[in-house]
N, C-alpha and C. Protein backbone atom coordinates (compact mmCIF):
# COMPACT_ATOMS: atom_id res chain seq x y z
N UNK A 1 10.87 181.96 55.65
CA UNK A 1 10.94 183.48 55.83
C UNK A 1 10.95 183.94 54.84
N UNK A 2 10.15 184.80 54.43
CA UNK A 2 10.68 186.05 52.82
C UNK A 2 11.07 186.53 53.21
N UNK A 3 11.78 187.62 52.21
CA UNK A 3 12.62 188.84 52.11
C UNK A 3 12.05 189.70 52.07
N UNK A 4 12.46 191.06 52.17
CA UNK A 4 11.51 192.62 52.06
C UNK A 4 11.16 192.48 50.70
N UNK A 5 12.14 192.68 49.82
CA UNK A 5 11.53 192.48 48.30
C UNK A 5 10.30 191.85 47.84
N UNK A 6 10.67 190.19 48.53
CA UNK A 6 9.14 189.16 47.95
C UNK A 6 8.19 189.53 48.57
N UNK A 7 8.19 190.14 49.29
CA UNK A 7 7.03 190.89 50.20
C UNK A 7 6.48 192.05 49.75
N UNK A 8 7.63 193.10 48.96
CA UNK A 8 6.68 194.08 48.55
C UNK A 8 6.10 193.87 47.32
N UNK A 9 6.52 192.79 46.55
CA UNK A 9 5.97 192.51 45.36
C UNK A 9 4.96 191.47 45.52
N UNK A 10 4.45 191.09 47.00
CA UNK A 10 3.08 190.62 46.64
C UNK A 10 2.17 191.83 46.70
N UNK A 11 2.61 193.04 47.29
CA UNK A 11 2.06 193.71 47.43
C UNK A 11 1.77 195.26 46.36
N UNK A 12 2.25 194.31 44.97
CA UNK A 12 1.85 195.64 44.15
C UNK A 12 3.67 196.11 43.54
N UNK A 13 4.41 196.01 44.36
CA UNK A 13 5.80 197.02 44.17
C UNK A 13 6.72 196.01 43.19
N UNK A 14 7.38 197.11 42.31
CA UNK A 14 8.18 196.53 41.42
C UNK A 14 9.45 196.59 41.89
N UNK A 15 10.07 195.87 42.23
CA UNK A 15 11.71 195.83 42.69
C UNK A 15 12.58 195.09 41.87
N UNK A 16 13.78 196.05 42.00
CA UNK A 16 15.05 195.58 40.74
C UNK A 16 16.27 196.03 41.85
N UNK A 17 17.06 195.39 41.58
CA UNK A 17 18.47 195.42 42.02
C UNK A 17 19.51 196.01 41.07
N UNK A 18 20.46 196.72 41.72
CA UNK A 18 21.42 197.16 40.91
C UNK A 18 22.73 197.36 41.41
N UNK A 19 23.80 196.90 40.71
CA UNK A 19 24.78 196.44 41.27
C UNK A 19 26.40 196.69 40.24
N UNK A 20 27.27 197.28 40.10
CA UNK A 20 28.34 197.05 39.33
C UNK A 20 29.08 195.71 40.10
N UNK A 21 29.02 195.19 40.74
CA UNK A 21 29.55 193.93 41.41
C UNK A 21 29.18 192.73 40.86
N UNK A 22 29.84 191.72 40.65
CA UNK A 22 29.11 190.33 40.15
C UNK A 22 28.11 189.84 40.78
N UNK A 23 26.71 189.97 40.63
CA UNK A 23 25.77 189.42 41.44
C UNK A 23 25.78 187.91 41.30
N UNK A 24 26.68 187.04 40.93
CA UNK A 24 26.98 185.34 40.90
C UNK A 24 27.77 185.60 42.34
N UNK A 25 28.33 186.30 42.59
CA UNK A 25 29.77 186.40 44.23
C UNK A 25 28.74 185.84 45.28
N UNK A 26 29.05 184.71 45.51
CA UNK A 26 28.35 183.76 46.82
C UNK A 26 26.93 183.22 46.02
N UNK A 27 27.01 183.09 45.33
CA UNK A 27 25.73 182.43 44.73
C UNK A 27 24.38 183.29 44.71
N UNK A 28 24.83 184.72 44.75
CA UNK A 28 23.70 185.57 44.97
C UNK A 28 22.52 185.28 43.94
N UNK A 29 22.65 185.39 42.89
CA UNK A 29 21.97 185.64 41.43
C UNK A 29 20.32 184.37 42.05
N UNK A 30 21.15 183.26 42.41
CA UNK A 30 19.79 182.49 42.40
C UNK A 30 18.45 183.01 43.54
N UNK A 31 19.21 183.93 44.45
CA UNK A 31 18.11 184.66 45.03
C UNK A 31 17.76 185.49 44.88
N UNK A 32 18.46 186.61 44.24
CA UNK A 32 18.15 187.61 43.54
C UNK A 32 16.76 187.37 42.85
N UNK A 33 16.83 186.37 41.50
CA UNK A 33 15.85 185.92 40.54
C UNK A 33 15.07 185.46 41.31
N UNK A 34 14.37 185.41 42.89
CA UNK A 34 13.45 184.54 43.21
C UNK A 34 12.75 185.90 44.24
N UNK A 35 13.53 186.97 44.23
CA UNK A 35 13.38 188.39 45.19
C UNK A 35 12.94 189.27 44.35
N UNK A 36 13.57 189.31 43.19
CA UNK A 36 13.35 190.69 42.44
C UNK A 36 12.87 190.59 40.99
N UNK A 37 11.99 191.39 40.57
CA UNK A 37 11.66 191.36 39.15
C UNK A 37 12.66 191.73 38.49
N UNK A 38 13.84 192.44 38.91
CA UNK A 38 15.02 192.45 37.93
C UNK A 38 16.03 192.83 38.71
N UNK A 39 17.52 192.07 37.79
CA UNK A 39 18.95 192.57 38.60
C UNK A 39 19.95 193.24 37.40
N UNK A 40 20.14 194.34 37.70
CA UNK A 40 20.78 195.14 36.66
C UNK A 40 22.28 195.51 37.41
N UNK A 41 23.02 194.50 36.32
CA UNK A 41 24.40 194.24 36.43
C UNK A 41 25.03 195.27 35.67
N UNK A 42 25.57 196.13 35.96
CA UNK A 42 26.54 197.14 35.12
C UNK A 42 27.64 196.85 34.94
N UNK A 43 28.11 195.97 34.66
CA UNK A 43 29.51 195.65 34.06
C UNK A 43 30.58 196.66 33.55
N UNK A 44 29.94 197.35 32.76
CA UNK A 44 30.54 198.52 32.12
C UNK A 44 30.94 199.96 33.28
N UNK A 45 30.24 199.68 34.31
CA UNK A 45 30.90 200.69 35.64
C UNK A 45 32.48 200.06 36.14
N UNK A 46 32.89 198.91 36.07
CA UNK A 46 33.28 198.53 36.48
C UNK A 46 33.90 198.77 38.00
N UNK A 47 32.59 198.08 38.76
CA UNK A 47 32.92 198.37 40.41
C UNK A 47 33.17 199.83 40.75
N UNK A 48 32.57 200.93 39.80
CA UNK A 48 32.75 201.99 40.24
C UNK A 48 31.29 202.61 40.93
N UNK A 49 31.38 203.03 42.03
CA UNK A 49 30.08 203.40 42.49
C UNK A 49 29.71 204.91 41.80
N UNK A 50 30.29 205.48 41.69
CA UNK A 50 29.75 207.11 41.00
C UNK A 50 28.75 206.60 39.74
N UNK A 51 29.54 205.43 38.84
CA UNK A 51 29.11 205.31 37.66
C UNK A 51 27.65 204.44 38.05
N UNK A 52 27.82 203.48 38.66
CA UNK A 52 26.53 202.59 39.03
C UNK A 52 25.44 203.16 39.60
N UNK A 53 25.50 204.30 40.46
CA UNK A 53 24.51 205.33 40.91
C UNK A 53 24.09 205.70 39.69
N UNK A 54 24.87 206.66 38.83
CA UNK A 54 24.35 207.33 37.83
C UNK A 54 23.93 206.67 37.00
N UNK A 55 24.06 205.50 36.53
CA UNK A 55 23.54 204.18 35.75
C UNK A 55 21.72 204.12 36.56
N UNK A 56 22.16 203.60 37.86
CA UNK A 56 21.02 203.16 38.76
C UNK A 56 19.78 204.53 38.64
N UNK A 57 20.15 205.85 38.73
CA UNK A 57 18.72 206.77 39.07
C UNK A 57 18.40 206.97 37.57
N UNK A 58 19.17 206.55 36.66
CA UNK A 58 18.07 206.56 35.45
C UNK A 58 17.57 205.29 35.37
N UNK A 59 17.75 204.54 35.37
CA UNK A 59 16.63 203.52 35.68
C UNK A 59 15.41 203.87 36.56
N UNK A 60 15.79 204.12 37.89
CA UNK A 60 14.69 204.40 38.61
C UNK A 60 13.77 205.64 38.41
N UNK A 61 14.54 206.52 37.84
CA UNK A 61 13.53 207.83 37.31
C UNK A 61 12.24 206.80 36.43
N UNK A 62 13.12 205.93 35.37
CA UNK A 62 11.67 205.46 34.45
C UNK A 62 10.57 204.60 35.63
N UNK A 63 11.32 203.82 36.88
CA UNK A 63 10.19 203.23 37.56
C UNK A 63 9.28 204.17 38.08
N UNK A 64 9.66 205.40 38.80
CA UNK A 64 8.79 206.47 39.33
C UNK A 64 7.90 206.72 38.22
N UNK A 65 8.28 207.16 36.99
CA UNK A 65 7.17 207.47 35.71
C UNK A 65 6.36 206.63 35.31
N UNK A 66 6.64 205.05 36.06
CA UNK A 66 5.56 204.21 35.99
C UNK A 66 4.43 204.26 36.37
N UNK A 67 4.53 205.13 37.82
CA UNK A 67 3.24 205.31 38.83
C UNK A 67 2.83 204.16 39.72
N UNK A 68 3.64 203.19 39.89
CA UNK A 68 3.60 202.10 40.60
C UNK A 68 4.64 202.43 41.82
N UNK A 69 4.23 201.80 42.98
CA UNK A 69 5.44 201.88 43.89
C UNK A 69 6.62 201.22 43.86
N UNK A 70 7.74 200.90 43.82
CA UNK A 70 8.61 200.29 43.66
C UNK A 70 9.71 200.45 44.98
N UNK A 71 10.90 199.29 44.85
CA UNK A 71 12.07 199.27 45.74
C UNK A 71 12.69 199.14 44.96
N UNK A 72 14.27 199.99 44.70
CA UNK A 72 15.05 199.87 44.38
C UNK A 72 16.56 199.79 45.10
N UNK A 73 17.18 198.64 45.24
CA UNK A 73 18.20 198.11 46.02
C UNK A 73 19.80 198.40 45.51
N UNK A 74 20.74 199.61 45.49
CA UNK A 74 21.80 199.61 44.91
C UNK A 74 22.77 199.27 45.86
N UNK A 75 23.75 198.29 45.21
CA UNK A 75 24.48 198.22 46.17
C UNK A 75 26.27 198.73 45.97
N UNK A 76 26.68 199.40 46.91
CA UNK A 76 27.73 200.42 46.82
C UNK A 76 28.84 199.09 47.17
N UNK A 77 30.13 199.45 46.41
CA UNK A 77 31.04 198.66 46.30
C UNK A 77 32.25 199.49 47.24
N UNK A 78 32.20 200.40 47.11
CA UNK A 78 33.67 201.09 47.35
C UNK A 78 34.19 201.06 48.79
N UNK A 79 32.92 201.05 49.65
CA UNK A 79 33.56 201.49 51.06
C UNK A 79 33.46 199.66 51.52
N UNK A 80 34.62 199.04 51.01
CA UNK A 80 34.49 197.58 51.11
C UNK A 80 35.89 197.27 50.89
N UNK A 81 36.71 196.45 52.29
CA UNK A 81 37.74 196.23 52.29
C UNK A 81 38.72 195.62 50.68
N UNK A 82 39.38 195.96 50.66
CA UNK A 82 40.54 196.76 51.09
C UNK A 82 40.52 197.67 51.20
N UNK A 83 39.35 198.70 51.01
CA UNK A 83 38.81 200.10 51.00
C UNK A 83 40.18 200.93 50.38
N UNK A 84 40.15 200.94 48.85
CA UNK A 84 40.97 201.49 48.02
C UNK A 84 40.06 202.57 47.64
N UNK A 85 40.68 203.99 47.85
CA UNK A 85 39.89 204.95 47.14
C UNK A 85 39.54 205.45 45.94
N UNK A 86 38.61 205.64 45.44
CA UNK A 86 38.01 205.98 44.32
C UNK A 86 38.32 207.50 43.98
N UNK A 87 38.99 208.15 44.68
CA UNK A 87 39.16 209.23 44.58
C UNK A 87 39.67 209.68 43.38
N UNK A 88 39.60 210.86 42.86
CA UNK A 88 40.75 210.89 41.37
C UNK A 88 41.97 210.93 41.53
N UNK A 89 42.10 211.74 42.69
CA UNK A 89 43.33 212.12 43.10
C UNK A 89 43.84 211.43 44.74
N UNK A 90 44.13 210.34 44.50
CA UNK A 90 44.35 209.11 45.61
C UNK A 90 45.80 209.82 45.98
N UNK A 91 45.94 209.43 47.43
CA UNK A 91 47.26 209.36 47.92
C UNK A 91 47.87 208.42 47.64
N UNK A 92 48.91 208.73 47.19
CA UNK A 92 50.10 207.45 46.73
C UNK A 92 50.53 206.40 48.18
N UNK A 93 50.69 206.95 49.05
CA UNK A 93 50.75 206.44 50.67
C UNK A 93 49.87 205.11 50.90
N UNK A 94 50.27 204.12 51.03
CA UNK A 94 49.63 202.72 51.43
C UNK A 94 49.10 203.06 53.14
N UNK A 95 47.39 202.93 53.04
CA UNK A 95 47.31 203.38 54.47
C UNK A 95 46.56 202.05 55.17
N UNK A 96 46.63 201.61 56.35
CA UNK A 96 46.34 200.84 57.18
C UNK A 96 44.32 201.07 57.11
N UNK A 97 43.42 199.78 57.13
CA UNK A 97 42.15 199.83 56.99
C UNK A 97 41.84 201.03 57.80
N UNK A 98 41.99 201.21 58.93
CA UNK A 98 41.66 201.71 59.72
C UNK A 98 41.56 203.90 59.26
N UNK A 99 42.58 203.95 58.56
CA UNK A 99 42.54 205.32 57.87
C UNK A 99 41.67 205.01 56.70
N UNK A 100 42.25 204.12 55.75
CA UNK A 100 41.81 203.75 54.16
C UNK A 100 40.27 203.88 54.65
N UNK A 101 39.46 203.42 55.45
CA UNK A 101 38.15 203.55 55.63
C UNK A 101 37.58 204.60 55.30
N UNK A 102 38.35 206.16 56.13
CA UNK A 102 37.85 207.35 55.97
C UNK A 102 37.85 207.48 54.50
N UNK A 103 38.96 207.59 53.69
CA UNK A 103 39.03 207.66 52.59
C UNK A 103 37.60 207.68 51.60
N UNK A 104 37.81 205.83 51.73
CA UNK A 104 36.46 205.50 50.79
C UNK A 104 34.66 205.93 51.38
N UNK A 105 34.80 205.90 52.76
CA UNK A 105 33.17 206.84 53.37
C UNK A 105 33.18 207.88 52.92
N UNK A 106 34.33 208.74 52.54
CA UNK A 106 34.33 210.48 51.87
C UNK A 106 33.63 209.84 50.74
N UNK A 107 34.30 209.42 49.94
CA UNK A 107 33.92 208.66 48.48
C UNK A 107 32.48 208.36 48.73
N UNK A 108 31.66 207.78 49.57
CA UNK A 108 30.59 206.92 49.51
C UNK A 108 29.91 208.06 49.67
N UNK A 109 29.87 208.76 50.23
CA UNK A 109 29.36 209.77 51.04
C UNK A 109 28.81 210.88 49.79
N UNK A 110 29.69 211.15 49.35
CA UNK A 110 30.08 212.26 47.95
C UNK A 110 28.92 211.26 46.74
N UNK A 111 29.12 210.20 46.72
CA UNK A 111 28.56 209.47 45.79
C UNK A 111 26.98 209.43 46.10
N UNK A 112 27.03 209.05 47.25
CA UNK A 112 25.32 209.33 47.50
C UNK A 112 24.43 210.77 47.13
N UNK A 113 25.65 211.56 47.84
CA UNK A 113 24.74 212.94 48.18
C UNK A 113 24.36 213.63 46.47
N UNK A 114 25.19 213.15 45.39
CA UNK A 114 25.64 213.39 44.38
C UNK A 114 23.37 212.40 43.70
N UNK A 115 23.73 211.15 44.36
CA UNK A 115 22.46 210.51 43.86
C UNK A 115 21.05 210.72 44.18
N UNK A 116 20.94 211.39 45.42
CA UNK A 116 19.96 211.96 46.12
C UNK A 116 19.59 213.13 45.52
N UNK A 117 20.61 214.00 45.32
CA UNK A 117 20.30 215.20 44.52
C UNK A 117 19.73 215.08 42.86
N UNK A 118 20.33 214.09 42.32
CA UNK A 118 19.89 213.74 41.13
C UNK A 118 18.40 213.48 40.71
N UNK A 119 17.83 212.80 41.74
CA UNK A 119 16.74 212.53 41.72
C UNK A 119 15.37 213.56 42.62
N UNK A 120 15.97 214.65 43.23
CA UNK A 120 15.01 215.63 43.75
C UNK A 120 14.23 216.13 43.43
N UNK A 121 14.40 216.29 42.06
CA UNK A 121 13.34 217.21 41.43
C UNK A 121 12.26 216.30 40.33
N UNK A 122 12.40 215.14 40.97
CA UNK A 122 11.35 213.97 40.60
C UNK A 122 9.70 213.85 41.60
N UNK A 123 8.44 213.54 40.65
CA UNK A 123 7.45 214.51 41.30
C UNK A 123 7.34 213.44 42.78
N UNK A 124 8.11 211.87 42.73
CA UNK A 124 7.80 211.19 43.72
C UNK A 124 8.85 211.14 44.53
N UNK A 125 9.73 212.16 44.60
CA UNK A 125 10.77 212.12 45.34
C UNK A 125 10.24 212.60 47.30
N UNK A 126 9.25 213.42 46.96
CA UNK A 126 8.79 214.28 48.64
C UNK A 126 7.88 212.54 49.13
N UNK A 127 8.05 211.81 48.63
CA UNK A 127 7.26 210.39 49.25
C UNK A 127 8.07 209.35 49.12
N UNK A 128 9.56 209.80 49.19
CA UNK A 128 10.09 208.67 49.01
C UNK A 128 10.92 208.61 50.32
N UNK A 129 11.22 207.22 50.67
CA UNK A 129 12.39 207.13 51.46
C UNK A 129 13.86 206.15 51.39
N UNK A 130 14.88 206.53 51.45
CA UNK A 130 15.91 206.10 51.13
C UNK A 130 16.46 205.77 52.33
N UNK A 131 16.90 204.33 52.32
CA UNK A 131 17.41 203.33 53.48
C UNK A 131 18.60 202.70 52.95
N UNK A 132 19.74 203.26 53.55
CA UNK A 132 21.34 203.45 53.13
C UNK A 132 21.90 202.58 53.97
N UNK A 133 22.52 201.15 53.49
CA UNK A 133 22.95 200.34 54.74
C UNK A 133 24.15 199.77 53.93
N UNK A 134 25.27 199.19 54.78
CA UNK A 134 26.11 198.32 54.18
C UNK A 134 25.79 197.09 54.37
N UNK A 135 26.65 196.10 53.63
CA UNK A 135 26.34 194.28 54.04
C UNK A 135 26.82 194.08 55.17
N UNK A 136 27.93 194.71 55.61
CA UNK A 136 28.76 194.15 57.18
C UNK A 136 29.55 195.12 57.35
N UNK A 137 29.78 195.15 58.59
CA UNK A 137 31.25 196.04 59.05
C UNK A 137 32.46 195.43 58.88
N UNK A 138 33.15 196.21 59.45
CA UNK A 138 34.62 195.38 59.53
C UNK A 138 35.75 195.54 60.72
N UNK A 139 36.14 194.78 61.19
CA UNK A 139 36.68 194.45 62.29
C UNK A 139 38.19 195.56 62.97
N UNK A 140 37.92 196.33 62.63
CA UNK A 140 39.51 197.54 63.05
C UNK A 140 39.82 196.97 64.52
N UNK A 141 39.47 196.33 65.01
CA UNK A 141 39.92 196.01 66.26
C UNK A 141 39.39 196.48 67.31
N UNK A 142 38.16 196.87 67.58
CA UNK A 142 37.21 197.17 68.61
C UNK A 142 37.03 196.75 69.57
N UNK A 143 36.78 195.56 68.83
CA UNK A 143 36.29 194.67 70.02
C UNK A 143 37.52 193.22 70.40
N UNK A 144 38.83 193.23 69.64
CA UNK A 144 39.61 192.01 69.94
C UNK A 144 40.78 192.98 69.33
N UNK A 145 42.53 192.49 69.82
CA UNK A 145 43.25 193.16 69.39
C UNK A 145 43.73 192.74 68.14
N UNK A 146 43.18 192.11 66.90
CA UNK A 146 43.64 191.59 66.09
C UNK A 146 42.54 191.92 64.80
N UNK A 147 42.97 193.31 64.46
CA UNK A 147 42.23 194.12 63.27
C UNK A 147 42.05 193.07 62.11
N UNK A 148 40.93 193.21 61.49
CA UNK A 148 40.94 192.39 60.35
C UNK A 148 40.34 190.70 60.65
N UNK A 149 40.48 190.36 61.78
CA UNK A 149 40.02 188.81 61.79
C UNK A 149 38.58 189.18 62.14
N UNK A 150 38.13 187.94 62.04
CA UNK A 150 36.39 187.56 61.78
C UNK A 150 36.41 187.42 63.55
N UNK A 151 35.35 188.12 63.99
CA UNK A 151 34.79 188.02 65.16
C UNK A 151 33.13 188.20 65.34
N UNK A 152 32.66 188.21 66.66
CA UNK A 152 31.02 188.33 66.67
C UNK A 152 30.67 189.33 66.66
N UNK A 153 31.55 190.42 66.46
CA UNK A 153 30.98 191.68 66.19
C UNK A 153 30.99 192.15 64.69
N UNK A 154 31.79 191.69 64.02
CA UNK A 154 32.37 191.90 62.64
C UNK A 154 30.97 192.15 61.72
N UNK A 155 29.89 191.42 61.69
CA UNK A 155 28.76 191.94 61.06
C UNK A 155 27.84 192.72 61.64
N UNK A 156 28.16 193.08 62.73
CA UNK A 156 27.33 194.23 63.31
C UNK A 156 27.64 196.08 63.50
N UNK A 157 29.14 196.09 63.02
CA UNK A 157 29.74 197.16 63.19
C UNK A 157 29.48 198.18 62.34
N UNK A 158 28.95 199.65 62.56
CA UNK A 158 28.92 200.29 61.44
C UNK A 158 27.97 200.07 60.42
N UNK A 159 26.77 199.16 60.70
CA UNK A 159 25.72 199.34 59.52
C UNK A 159 24.55 200.03 58.87
N UNK A 160 23.56 199.89 59.83
CA UNK A 160 22.36 200.86 59.12
C UNK A 160 22.65 202.31 59.14
N UNK A 161 22.30 203.51 58.01
CA UNK A 161 22.08 204.78 58.04
C UNK A 161 20.74 204.74 57.92
N UNK A 162 19.33 205.13 58.20
CA UNK A 162 18.30 205.36 57.36
C UNK A 162 18.36 206.84 57.34
N UNK A 163 18.28 207.50 56.35
CA UNK A 163 17.82 209.08 55.65
C UNK A 163 16.56 208.70 54.80
N UNK A 164 15.85 209.97 55.47
CA UNK A 164 14.37 210.28 54.75
C UNK A 164 14.34 211.32 53.74
N UNK A 165 13.80 211.37 52.85
CA UNK A 165 14.33 212.26 52.16
C UNK A 165 12.67 212.97 51.96
N UNK A 166 12.63 214.31 51.32
CA UNK A 166 11.22 214.85 50.96
C UNK A 166 10.76 215.33 52.17
N UNK A 167 9.07 215.34 52.14
CA UNK A 167 8.23 215.90 53.41
C UNK A 167 7.46 214.95 53.59
N UNK A 168 6.94 214.46 54.61
CA UNK A 168 6.22 213.37 55.55
C UNK A 168 5.02 213.57 54.71
N UNK A 169 4.28 212.36 54.52
CA UNK A 169 3.15 212.59 53.74
C UNK A 169 2.06 213.08 54.86
């Protein structure tokens, strides 16, 4: 089985991966090197999504200027357990995951809005599809009484959000 980036590469797409989190986590670099033309690991972003997405947007603008189709995969880390808010004025109260995830989701929404708005003026924007998804869900106890424990539903909750931008061609 081939992965989506590898299939697109065979059809002339440039594929790049963007992250502020170590791509060697779970030996990902092995696969990333096979699937993507380049892996952009922004160590200097220190796992802060806003910085990661700003740096990725700069490279994506360069890819767009090249005039060939591309796939940019950007990894968001903020909305991930233990759900620590990146808000500049976070609450000092320790929150359980079911509450803390709301804070990190608001932050992630704000980062994504800024990211998409920063690309809106690009000539290729109206012919671009943004697919935004998480790597997995988190068990808040919806399917068992034990929030935080792994169960059969963990990987399939709260995952895809597909958003199209621009005007259909």
